[in-house]
Every structure is written in C-alpha cells, then in structure tokens.
Protein backbone atom coordinates (compact mmCIF):
# COMPACT_ATOMS: atom_id res chain seq x y z
CA UNK A 1 -20.11 81.70 21.57
CA UNK A 2 -23.16 80.46 23.36
CA UNK A 3 -23.39 77.52 21.14
CA UNK A 4 -19.72 76.72 21.67
CA UNK A 5 -20.12 77.04 25.44
CA UNK A 6 -23.18 74.84 25.49
CA UNK A 7 -21.34 72.29 23.42
CA UNK A 8 -18.46 72.30 25.90
CA UNK A 9 -20.84 71.93 28.84
CA UNK A 10 -22.64 69.08 27.19
CA UNK A 11 -19.30 67.46 26.41
CA UNK A 12 -18.23 67.83 30.05
CA UNK A 13 -21.55 66.47 31.24
CA UNK A 14 -21.13 63.46 28.98
CA UNK A 15 -17.51 62.96 30.09
CA UNK A 16 -18.29 63.06 33.86
CA UNK A 17 -20.25 59.78 33.98
CA UNK A 18 -17.52 58.06 31.99
CA UNK A 19 -14.89 59.38 34.43
CA UNK A 20 -17.02 58.26 37.37
CA UNK A 21 -17.46 54.84 35.90
CA UNK A 22 -13.77 54.60 35.14
CA UNK A 23 -12.67 54.80 38.80
CA UNK A 24 -15.25 52.15 39.68
CA UNK A 25 -13.94 49.74 37.09
CA UNK A 26 -10.27 49.71 38.22
CA UNK A 27 -11.05 48.27 41.73
CA UNK A 28 -12.57 45.07 40.28
CA UNK A 29 -9.83 44.95 37.67
CA UNK A 30 -6.92 44.33 40.15
CA UNK A 31 -5.27 40.97 40.38
CA UNK A 32 -7.36 39.56 43.24
CA UNK A 33 -10.65 40.18 41.44
CA UNK A 34 -9.31 38.99 38.10
CA UNK A 35 -8.01 35.84 39.80
CA UNK A 36 -11.41 35.21 41.32
CA UNK A 37 -12.97 35.45 37.93
CA UNK A 38 -10.36 33.08 36.47
CA UNK A 39 -10.98 30.54 39.22
CA UNK A 40 -14.71 30.69 38.76
CA UNK A 41 -14.29 30.36 35.02
CA UNK A 42 -12.11 27.27 35.48
CA UNK A 43 -14.56 25.77 37.93
CA UNK A 44 -17.46 26.27 35.54
CA UNK A 45 -15.84 25.73 32.18
CA UNK A 46 -12.96 23.27 32.88
CA UNK A 47 -13.93 20.74 35.53
CA UNK A 48 -11.30 18.18 34.43
CA UNK A 49 -8.11 19.84 35.73
CA UNK A 50 -9.55 20.77 39.13
CA UNK A 51 -10.39 17.15 40.13
CA UNK A 52 -7.01 16.05 38.85
CA UNK A 53 -5.29 18.51 41.16
CA UNK A 54 -7.52 17.72 44.15
CA UNK A 55 -7.00 13.88 44.24
CA UNK A 56 -3.23 14.29 44.00
CA UNK A 57 -3.15 15.51 47.60
CA UNK A 58 -4.99 12.60 49.30
CA UNK A 59 -2.94 9.78 47.73
CA UNK A 60 0.29 11.06 49.24
CA UNK A 61 -0.93 10.76 52.85
CA UNK A 62 -2.48 7.38 52.03
CA UNK A 63 0.84 6.09 50.73
CA UNK A 64 2.57 7.38 53.81
CA UNK A 65 0.03 5.68 56.06
CA UNK A 66 0.36 2.38 54.24
CA UNK A 67 4.14 2.49 54.45
CA UNK A 68 3.98 3.26 58.16
CA UNK A 69 1.60 0.35 58.81
CA UNK A 70 3.62 -2.08 56.72
CA UNK A 71 6.94 -1.22 58.38
CA UNK A 72 6.36 -2.61 61.92
CA UNK A 73 5.05 -6.14 61.14
CA UNK A 74 8.00 -7.44 59.11
CA UNK A 75 10.36 -7.80 62.03
CA UNK A 76 13.40 -9.56 60.67
CA UNK A 77 12.42 -13.26 60.74
CA UNK A 78 14.81 -15.73 62.30
CA UNK A 79 15.61 -18.93 60.40
CA UNK A 80 13.29 -20.83 62.74
CA UNK A 81 10.42 -18.44 62.04
CA UNK A 82 11.10 -18.61 58.31
CA UNK A 83 10.94 -22.39 58.50
CA UNK A 84 7.58 -22.17 60.19
CA UNK A 85 6.24 -19.75 57.56
CA UNK A 86 7.43 -21.99 54.71
CA UNK A 87 5.74 -25.06 56.21
CA UNK A 88 2.97 -26.65 54.14
CA UNK A 89 -0.28 -24.71 54.55
CA UNK A 90 -2.46 -27.64 53.57
CA UNK A 91 -2.81 -28.67 57.19
CA UNK A 92 -6.02 -27.37 58.65
CA UNK A 93 -4.94 -27.95 62.24
CA UNK A 94 -2.54 -25.29 63.56
CA UNK A 95 0.83 -26.67 64.42
CA UNK A 96 1.55 -26.89 68.15
CA UNK A 97 4.02 -24.47 69.63
CA UNK A 98 7.52 -25.79 70.29
CA UNK A 99 7.34 -26.28 74.05
CA UNK A 100 10.61 -27.10 75.79
CA UNK A 101 10.51 -30.56 77.34
CA UNK A 102 13.10 -32.89 78.77
CA UNK A 103 14.42 -35.22 76.07
CA UNK A 104 16.14 -38.59 76.08
CA UNK A 105 17.75 -40.01 72.91
CA UNK A 106 16.90 -43.57 74.01
CA UNK A 107 13.20 -42.89 74.63
CA UNK A 108 10.16 -41.61 72.75
CA UNK A 109 10.45 -37.84 72.33
CA UNK A 110 7.25 -37.16 70.36
CA UNK A 111 4.03 -36.26 72.23
CA UNK A 112 1.61 -39.07 71.41
CA UNK A 113 -2.16 -38.80 71.04
CA UNK A 114 -4.10 -41.59 72.69
CA UNK A 115 -6.01 -43.20 69.78
CA UNK A 116 -9.15 -43.67 71.90
CA UNK A 117 -9.35 -40.35 73.79
CA UNK A 118 -6.99 -37.92 72.02
CA UNK A 119 -5.26 -37.36 75.36
CA UNK A 120 -1.64 -36.26 74.94
CA UNK A 121 0.88 -38.71 76.39
CA UNK A 122 4.53 -37.79 76.74
CA UNK A 123 7.49 -39.65 78.20
CA UNK A 124 9.06 -36.37 79.34
CA UNK A 125 7.41 -33.55 81.32
CA UNK A 126 7.29 -29.97 80.15
CA UNK A 127 10.23 -28.12 81.59
CA UNK A 128 10.68 -24.34 81.65
CA UNK A 129 13.85 -23.12 80.02
CA UNK A 130 16.92 -23.11 82.29
CA UNK A 131 14.90 -24.46 85.23
CA UNK A 132 16.58 -27.12 87.30
CA UNK A 133 14.39 -29.86 88.77
CA UNK A 134 13.73 -29.18 92.45
CA UNK A 135 15.45 -25.81 92.35
CA UNK A 136 14.19 -22.29 92.03
CA UNK A 137 15.54 -20.33 89.04
CA UNK A 138 16.90 -17.75 91.47
CA UNK A 139 18.89 -20.30 93.48
CA UNK A 140 22.44 -21.22 92.44
CA UNK A 141 23.18 -24.58 90.88
CA UNK A 142 24.22 -27.31 93.28
CA UNK A 143 27.93 -27.97 93.53
CA UNK A 144 29.13 -30.91 91.52
CA UNK A 145 26.33 -30.65 88.94
CA UNK A 146 27.54 -29.54 85.55
CA UNK A 147 25.42 -27.41 83.29
CA UNK A 148 25.31 -30.20 80.70
CA UNK A 149 24.03 -32.80 83.17
CA UNK A 150 20.29 -33.38 82.92
CA UNK A 151 20.02 -30.56 80.40
CA UNK A 152 19.03 -32.36 77.19
CA UNK A 153 15.75 -30.86 76.02
CA UNK A 154 13.71 -30.81 72.84
CA UNK A 155 15.30 -27.43 72.10
CA UNK A 156 18.93 -28.51 72.13
CA UNK A 157 18.89 -32.27 71.44
CA UNK A 158 19.43 -31.89 67.67
CA UNK A 159 22.29 -29.47 68.25
CA UNK A 160 23.95 -31.86 70.69
CA UNK A 161 23.40 -34.78 68.34
CA UNK A 162 25.02 -32.98 65.39
CA UNK A 163 27.98 -32.01 67.56
CA UNK A 164 28.38 -35.63 68.64
CA UNK A 165 28.31 -36.93 65.06
CA UNK A 166 30.97 -34.42 63.95
CA UNK A 167 33.14 -35.21 66.96
CA UNK A 168 33.06 -38.92 66.10
CA UNK A 169 33.76 -38.38 62.40
CA UNK A 170 34.54 -34.92 60.94
CA UNK A 171 33.30 -36.12 57.53
CA UNK A 172 29.78 -35.68 58.90
CA UNK A 173 30.14 -31.88 58.92
CA UNK A 174 29.49 -31.23 55.19
CA UNK A 175 26.47 -33.53 55.36
CA UNK A 176 25.05 -31.71 58.36
CA UNK A 177 25.74 -28.29 56.85
CA UNK A 178 24.03 -29.16 53.57
CA UNK A 179 21.00 -31.06 54.93
CA UNK A 180 19.30 -29.54 57.99
CA UNK A 181 17.20 -32.20 59.71
CA UNK A 182 13.72 -30.99 60.63
CA UNK A 183 12.48 -34.30 62.05
CA UNK A 184 14.40 -33.90 65.30
CA UNK A 185 14.23 -30.10 65.41
CA UNK A 186 12.24 -28.37 68.20
CA UNK A 187 9.34 -27.90 65.77
CA UNK A 188 9.49 -31.53 64.65
CA UNK A 189 9.58 -32.81 68.22
CA UNK A 190 6.51 -30.70 69.07
CA UNK A 191 4.28 -32.38 66.49
CA UNK A 192 1.64 -34.60 68.09
CA UNK A 193 1.58 -38.14 66.68
CA UNK A 194 -1.33 -40.58 66.67
CA UNK A 195 0.51 -43.95 66.83
CA UNK A 196 -2.50 -45.88 65.54
CA UNK A 197 -2.80 -43.65 62.48
CA UNK A 198 0.94 -43.87 61.86
CA UNK A 199 0.95 -47.67 62.01
CA UNK A 200 -2.14 -47.95 59.79
CA UNK A 201 -0.46 -45.64 57.28
CA UNK A 202 2.64 -47.83 57.27
CA UNK A 203 0.51 -50.88 56.49
CA UNK A 204 -1.36 -49.07 53.71
CA UNK A 205 1.90 -47.90 52.08
CA UNK A 206 3.46 -51.37 51.88
CA UNK A 207 4.31 -52.38 48.29
CA UNK A 208 2.42 -49.45 46.70
CA UNK A 209 3.49 -46.05 45.42
CA UNK A 210 3.24 -42.93 47.55
CA UNK A 211 0.39 -41.51 45.47
CA UNK A 212 -1.57 -44.76 45.69
CA UNK A 213 -1.05 -44.96 49.45
CA UNK A 214 -2.27 -41.40 49.89
CA UNK A 215 -5.39 -42.10 47.85
CA UNK A 216 -6.20 -45.30 49.74
CA UNK A 217 -5.75 -43.58 53.10
CA UNK A 218 -8.13 -40.78 52.10
CA UNK A 219 -10.76 -43.31 51.07
CA UNK A 220 -10.18 -45.23 54.29
CA UNK A 221 -10.82 -42.14 56.43
CA UNK A 222 -13.89 -41.29 54.33
CA UNK A 223 -15.48 -44.61 55.33
CA UNK A 224 -16.08 -43.15 58.80
CA UNK A 225 -17.52 -39.77 57.79
CA UNK A 226 -21.09 -41.00 58.29
CA UNK A 227 -20.38 -42.31 61.77
CA UNK A 228 -21.96 -39.82 64.23
CA UNK A 229 -19.69 -40.92 67.04
CA UNK A 230 -16.69 -40.00 64.91
CA UNK A 231 -17.63 -36.31 64.93
CA UNK A 232 -16.37 -35.40 68.35
CA UNK A 233 -17.33 -37.75 71.17
CA UNK A 234 -13.71 -38.51 71.94
CA UNK A 235 -12.85 -34.82 72.12
CA UNK A 236 -15.48 -34.17 74.78
CA UNK A 237 -14.17 -37.09 76.83
CA UNK A 238 -10.62 -35.84 76.47
CA UNK A 239 -11.60 -32.36 77.65
CA UNK A 240 -13.30 -33.79 80.73
CA UNK A 241 -10.57 -36.29 81.61
CA UNK A 242 -7.56 -34.14 80.83
CA UNK A 243 -8.35 -30.43 80.39
CA UNK A 244 -5.68 -28.32 78.76
CA UNK A 245 -3.51 -26.38 81.16
CA UNK A 246 -2.82 -22.70 80.86
CA UNK A 247 -0.21 -21.90 78.28
CA UNK A 248 -0.61 -25.21 76.43
CA UNK A 249 -1.86 -25.24 72.82
CA UNK A 250 -5.57 -25.93 72.42
CA UNK A 251 -6.17 -29.49 71.22
CA UNK A 252 -7.92 -30.01 67.87
CA UNK A 253 -11.70 -29.80 68.12
CA UNK A 254 -12.41 -32.64 65.69
CA UNK A 255 -10.61 -35.88 64.95
CA UNK A 256 -9.83 -36.73 61.38
CA UNK A 257 -8.65 -40.31 61.75
CA UNK A 258 -10.95 -43.08 63.07
CA UNK A 259 -10.30 -44.61 66.47
CA UNK A 260 -9.41 -48.30 66.85
CA UNK A 261 -12.91 -49.05 68.16
CA UNK A 262 -14.49 -47.50 65.07
CA UNK A 263 -12.20 -49.49 62.79
CA UNK A 264 -12.95 -52.69 64.68
CA UNK A 265 -16.69 -52.06 64.23
CA UNK A 266 -16.32 -52.19 60.44
CA UNK A 267 -16.23 -55.57 58.74
CA UNK A 268 -13.47 -56.55 56.32
CA UNK A 269 -15.55 -56.16 53.11
CA UNK A 270 -16.31 -52.56 54.11
CA UNK A 271 -12.65 -51.82 54.76
CA UNK A 272 -11.72 -53.30 51.39
CA UNK A 273 -13.93 -50.76 49.59
CA UNK A 274 -11.22 -48.18 50.34
CA UNK A 275 -8.85 -50.06 48.03
CA UNK A 276 -7.22 -52.31 50.62
CA UNK A 277 -6.28 -55.87 49.82
CA UNK A 278 -7.80 -58.66 51.87
CA UNK A 279 -4.56 -59.16 53.77
CA UNK A 280 -4.07 -55.45 54.53
CA UNK A 281 -7.66 -55.19 55.76
CA UNK A 282 -6.97 -58.09 58.11
CA UNK A 283 -3.74 -56.45 59.31
CA UNK A 284 -5.48 -53.15 60.12
CA UNK A 285 -8.38 -54.96 61.80
CA UNK A 286 -5.96 -56.93 63.96
CA UNK A 287 -3.98 -53.79 64.85
CA UNK A 288 -7.19 -52.06 65.95
CA UNK A 289 -8.00 -55.04 68.17
CA UNK A 290 -4.60 -54.73 69.89
CA UNK A 291 -5.30 -51.09 70.78
CA UNK A 292 -8.88 -51.76 71.91
CA UNK A 293 -7.76 -54.61 74.20
CA UNK A 294 -5.01 -52.46 75.72
CA UNK A 295 -2.19 -54.68 74.55
CA UNK A 296 -0.91 -51.63 72.66
CA UNK A 297 -1.36 -48.09 73.95
CA UNK A 298 0.17 -44.64 73.64
CA UNK A 299 1.55 -44.93 77.18
CA UNK A 300 3.35 -48.16 76.35
CA UNK A 301 4.83 -46.76 73.14
CA UNK A 302 5.98 -43.63 74.99
CA UNK A 303 7.73 -45.32 77.91
CA UNK A 304 8.72 -48.86 76.89
CA UNK A 305 12.39 -49.70 76.33
CA UNK A 306 13.31 -50.11 72.68
CA UNK A 307 13.70 -53.91 72.81
CA UNK A 308 10.28 -54.34 74.42
CA UNK A 309 8.75 -51.90 71.94
CA UNK A 310 10.10 -53.84 68.97
CA UNK A 311 8.97 -57.17 70.40
CA UNK A 312 5.42 -55.89 70.99
CA UNK A 313 5.01 -54.42 67.52
CA UNK A 314 6.67 -57.19 65.52
CA UNK A 315 4.20 -59.59 67.12
CA UNK A 316 1.39 -57.78 65.28
CA UNK A 317 0.57 -59.21 61.86
CA UNK A 318 1.63 -56.88 59.07
CA UNK A 319 4.39 -55.14 61.04
CA UNK A 320 7.87 -56.33 60.12
CA UNK A 321 11.16 -55.30 61.68
CA UNK A 322 11.91 -52.61 59.07
CA UNK A 323 8.40 -51.11 59.46
CA UNK A 324 8.82 -50.99 63.24
CA UNK A 325 12.26 -49.38 62.94
CA UNK A 326 10.93 -46.66 60.66
CA UNK A 327 7.95 -46.11 63.00
CA UNK A 328 10.25 -45.76 66.02
CA UNK A 329 12.49 -43.31 64.19
CA UNK A 330 10.08 -41.06 62.29
CA UNK A 331 6.89 -41.28 64.38
CA UNK A 332 8.10 -41.82 67.94
CA UNK A 333 11.20 -39.65 67.31
CA UNK A 334 13.56 -42.06 69.04
CA UNK A 335 17.12 -40.93 68.39
CA UNK A 336 18.97 -44.26 68.76
CA UNK A 337 17.39 -46.41 66.04
CA UNK A 338 19.43 -48.02 63.29
CA UNK A 339 18.22 -50.33 60.51
CA UNK A 340 20.78 -52.87 59.32
CA UNK A 341 18.46 -54.20 56.64
CA UNK A 342 17.75 -50.94 54.82
CA UNK A 343 19.30 -51.00 51.36
CA UNK A 344 19.59 -47.20 51.17
CA UNK A 345 21.49 -47.07 54.45
CA UNK A 346 23.82 -49.84 53.26
CA UNK A 347 24.57 -48.00 50.03
CA UNK A 348 25.07 -44.69 51.83
CA UNK A 349 27.47 -46.18 54.37
CA UNK A 350 29.51 -47.83 51.62
CA UNK A 351 29.82 -44.47 49.85
CA UNK A 352 30.54 -42.72 53.15
CA UNK A 353 33.60 -44.89 53.83
CA UNK A 354 34.89 -44.22 50.32
CA UNK A 355 33.78 -47.23 48.30
CA UNK A 356 32.58 -47.00 44.71
CA UNK A 357 29.00 -48.21 45.09
CA UNK A 358 28.42 -48.37 41.32
CA UNK A 359 31.41 -50.63 40.88
CA UNK A 360 30.27 -52.75 43.80
CA UNK A 361 26.84 -53.26 42.28
CA UNK A 362 28.06 -53.98 38.74
CA UNK A 363 30.97 -56.18 39.82
CA UNK A 364 31.26 -58.97 42.38
CA UNK A 365 31.19 -61.66 39.68
CA UNK A 366 27.45 -61.59 39.25
CA UNK A 367 26.73 -61.73 42.98
CA UNK A 368 24.45 -58.71 42.57
CA UNK A 369 21.75 -61.12 41.38
CA UNK A 370 21.77 -62.81 44.79
CA UNK A 371 19.04 -61.35 46.98
CA UNK A 372 21.33 -61.69 50.01
CA UNK A 373 24.04 -59.57 48.43
CA UNK A 374 24.64 -56.25 50.23
CA UNK A 375 26.77 -53.18 49.73
CA UNK A 376 28.19 -53.70 53.22
CA UNK A 377 27.94 -56.54 55.71
CA UNK A 378 25.70 -56.14 58.73
CA UNK A 379 28.65 -56.75 61.03
CA UNK A 380 30.57 -53.84 59.50
CA UNK A 381 27.50 -51.62 59.54
CA UNK A 382 26.92 -52.41 63.21
CA UNK A 383 30.54 -51.71 64.09
CA UNK A 384 30.51 -48.30 62.40
CA UNK A 385 27.09 -47.27 63.71
CA UNK A 386 27.96 -48.15 67.31
CA UNK A 387 30.35 -45.20 67.39
CA UNK A 388 27.46 -42.80 66.89
CA UNK A 389 25.36 -43.94 69.85
CA UNK A 390 23.02 -42.62 71.21
CA UNK A 391 22.19 -40.65 68.05
CA UNK A 392 22.16 -43.43 65.45
CA UNK A 393 18.77 -42.33 64.07
CA UNK A 394 20.30 -39.05 62.95
CA UNK A 395 23.34 -40.88 61.57
CA UNK A 396 21.02 -43.19 59.60
CA UNK A 397 19.06 -40.18 58.30
CA UNK A 398 22.28 -38.69 56.91
CA UNK A 399 23.37 -41.98 55.35
CA UNK A 400 20.34 -41.76 53.07
CA UNK A 401 21.73 -38.44 51.78
CA UNK A 402 25.44 -39.13 51.72
CA UNK A 403 25.62 -39.58 47.93
CA UNK A 404 24.24 -36.07 47.45
CA UNK A 405 27.23 -34.54 49.27
CA UNK A 406 30.94 -34.76 48.51
CA UNK A 407 32.71 -35.91 51.68
CA UNK A 408 35.98 -36.85 49.99
CA UNK A 409 37.49 -33.48 50.91
CA UNK A 410 37.25 -34.42 54.57
CA UNK A 411 39.15 -37.70 54.21
C-alpha cells in the first residue's frame, strides 16, 4: 500500500509542474502572440514580400499629386494660343506680344527696327483696347461718332479685311475659310522687322533657290561675327536713347544682322566670300550707303505714302518693282499692295474668274512662247483688283492659293 501511495504521490508531483507549465503556455499561444511570431518570421525569413507591400502605398499618393499638378496648367487653349505654341521654335528671340495699335490699310503696319540703333519705329501709336482718343474709357462716346469710325486696330484689321473681301465677292469665302492668313494677323503685325535686313535678303534671294539663299545669308552674317562693335554697341545706344516703357516687351539684347555702317565698312571682295556675285555685292553695298546717308530710314519707310515709297526704293540698284511690291506687302505689312506683273497672281485671277488656265497656257496658237503673253491682261487685273481696295494685299495673297480651293460652287 505504501509503495502504491508513494507512487501516486510521485506521479502527482510529476504532474503538477506539467499542469503549471500548461497554463503558462496557452497565454502566448493566442492569436495575437502567434501573429507576432508570424510577422517576425516573415520579416526575418521573407524580406521580398514586405518591401513589395510597402512601396505600393507611396506610389498611389504620388500619382494623385502628379495628376493634381498637371490638371491646372492645361487651360483649354484658344486657337490663337495654339497658333503661338505651334510657331517655329528655332527662333532664339522671344516673339513680341501682340500689342493693340491703331492700323491703317494704306500705311505701314509693322513695327520697324532702325537698322543703325535698333530703335522701334511705328507709324501708329499703341492704343489701349476700346479707348477713344482724347476720351476717358468711363466717358460716353461723342454723338455722331460711330463705333466703327477710327476703330481699325492691329487686332481687328484682318477680320475687317476678310469681311470686305467676302462682301465684294462671295466666292472669296471658301478661300478665306480654307487658308487662314497669319501675315496680317495680330501676331503677324506684332513682329518687328528690320527693313535693311529684309531688303538685303530680297537681293540675296534673286535668281537662286530658297536653300541657296538661306545658306548665303548665313555666311553673310557670319562675316561680321569677329567685329567687336557688332556685339552690342547699338543695343546700349538704343537703351539710352529710347528706353523701353513699362508693359512693352524687352528688346533683344544682341543684334544678329549687321548694320548698314558695318556692311559699308567691308570691301566687295570680302562680301563676295559669302557666296555673293559681284553684282549682288555691289547692290548690297549701295543699299547700305543709302541707309548710312539717311536717304533711306525706318521712319521714312513707316510713314511715306506708297507712291513715294516705291519711287525711293526702285531708285536703288538691285531693287525692281516686283521686289519692292513684295517688300511692302510682306515686310512692311501694307494692306493695299497689288502686283500686276506677278505670274502667280495672274494665273490665280484667271482661275478665280472661271477660266481654264491649263487650256490658256497650252492654246493661244503658240502665243505661250511669247514672253509678253499673260494669263490675264493688266487692264483686266487692275479693274478686278480695284474692287477690293483698300485690302488688295490680302486679295493678292489669296490669288496665289485660289487653285487649291474649289470656288465653282459659289458661282
């Protein structure tokens, strides 16, 4: 019995520590403790999944932030803004802002750069929008003055010109709708033009291809890169003589085209190294002399009547009537220029009035071989163009494109 009792006691004594350890084990065994162990095991043994789960959280806020930042800038662009964004980016100088100025179809509408000082010369003053001369914006308009009177500006001149062309001949509407004209747009009229550079370029481009003319002009400008006075003397003088007013675009800090005095200082053999012929070098030299002497100037080209302008420029060697007409239209932005001797305008006008220009050229009993033969007589061209005054430049611009548009539906 004693041995049995001692065996039971020893069995109980051995069972008590196991029972005591058993209640201690269940507390760590619950889910929270087992989860902690699992997390620690994953952190130590499987590092790959944990970083994959952690970076997934940051990218989502980053994407949200990027989308929020990208949303405000793209405000819906207007057609005018889109045109500015699609402009060639090769120009290093920023384009001037389209400032509203008074405009006159019979005068120079482009702001001209004085070739010697880079001072901006304009035939029309800057005019705030909807601001009557001599009147406060808050005061009512004087009786008897219509809203259209004295209201042609660089902002609305193209619109008024297109309306005039359509009113004269409704067949102009499909042409105008298909071919927007940027030359006389507010942005085009804001571009500053150096008349000396434009005239030199017209001389260089005579009887050569466009690529060759561009190459020769680049070499011509490069001739003056070593001239220290060409690096900015004129800009300092311009800033002192005519500082920019508040709100006006900052003028370029460095000229890229030589001044007439710099060109005149070079001899003809040096100018010819740019690829110019002897005669073209003489023409450019003579043109520079006209600007240096004051016989030609930006002020004259901006304010002179058209007949006087043509007479002054045709008197310069190397500048024919057609070259002067193109200069007045595309550089000076004069709206009432018309070239009777331009073959493309003749052909376009013949097609515009409904004639078969191919039949005209191939027929006429061999008269096409005569250099004086034309698609339309000058008298007839003059009679038709007179109806489109004072916007004949725009009419001429569309005549170059008339064969690209079907106007027969409007007849």
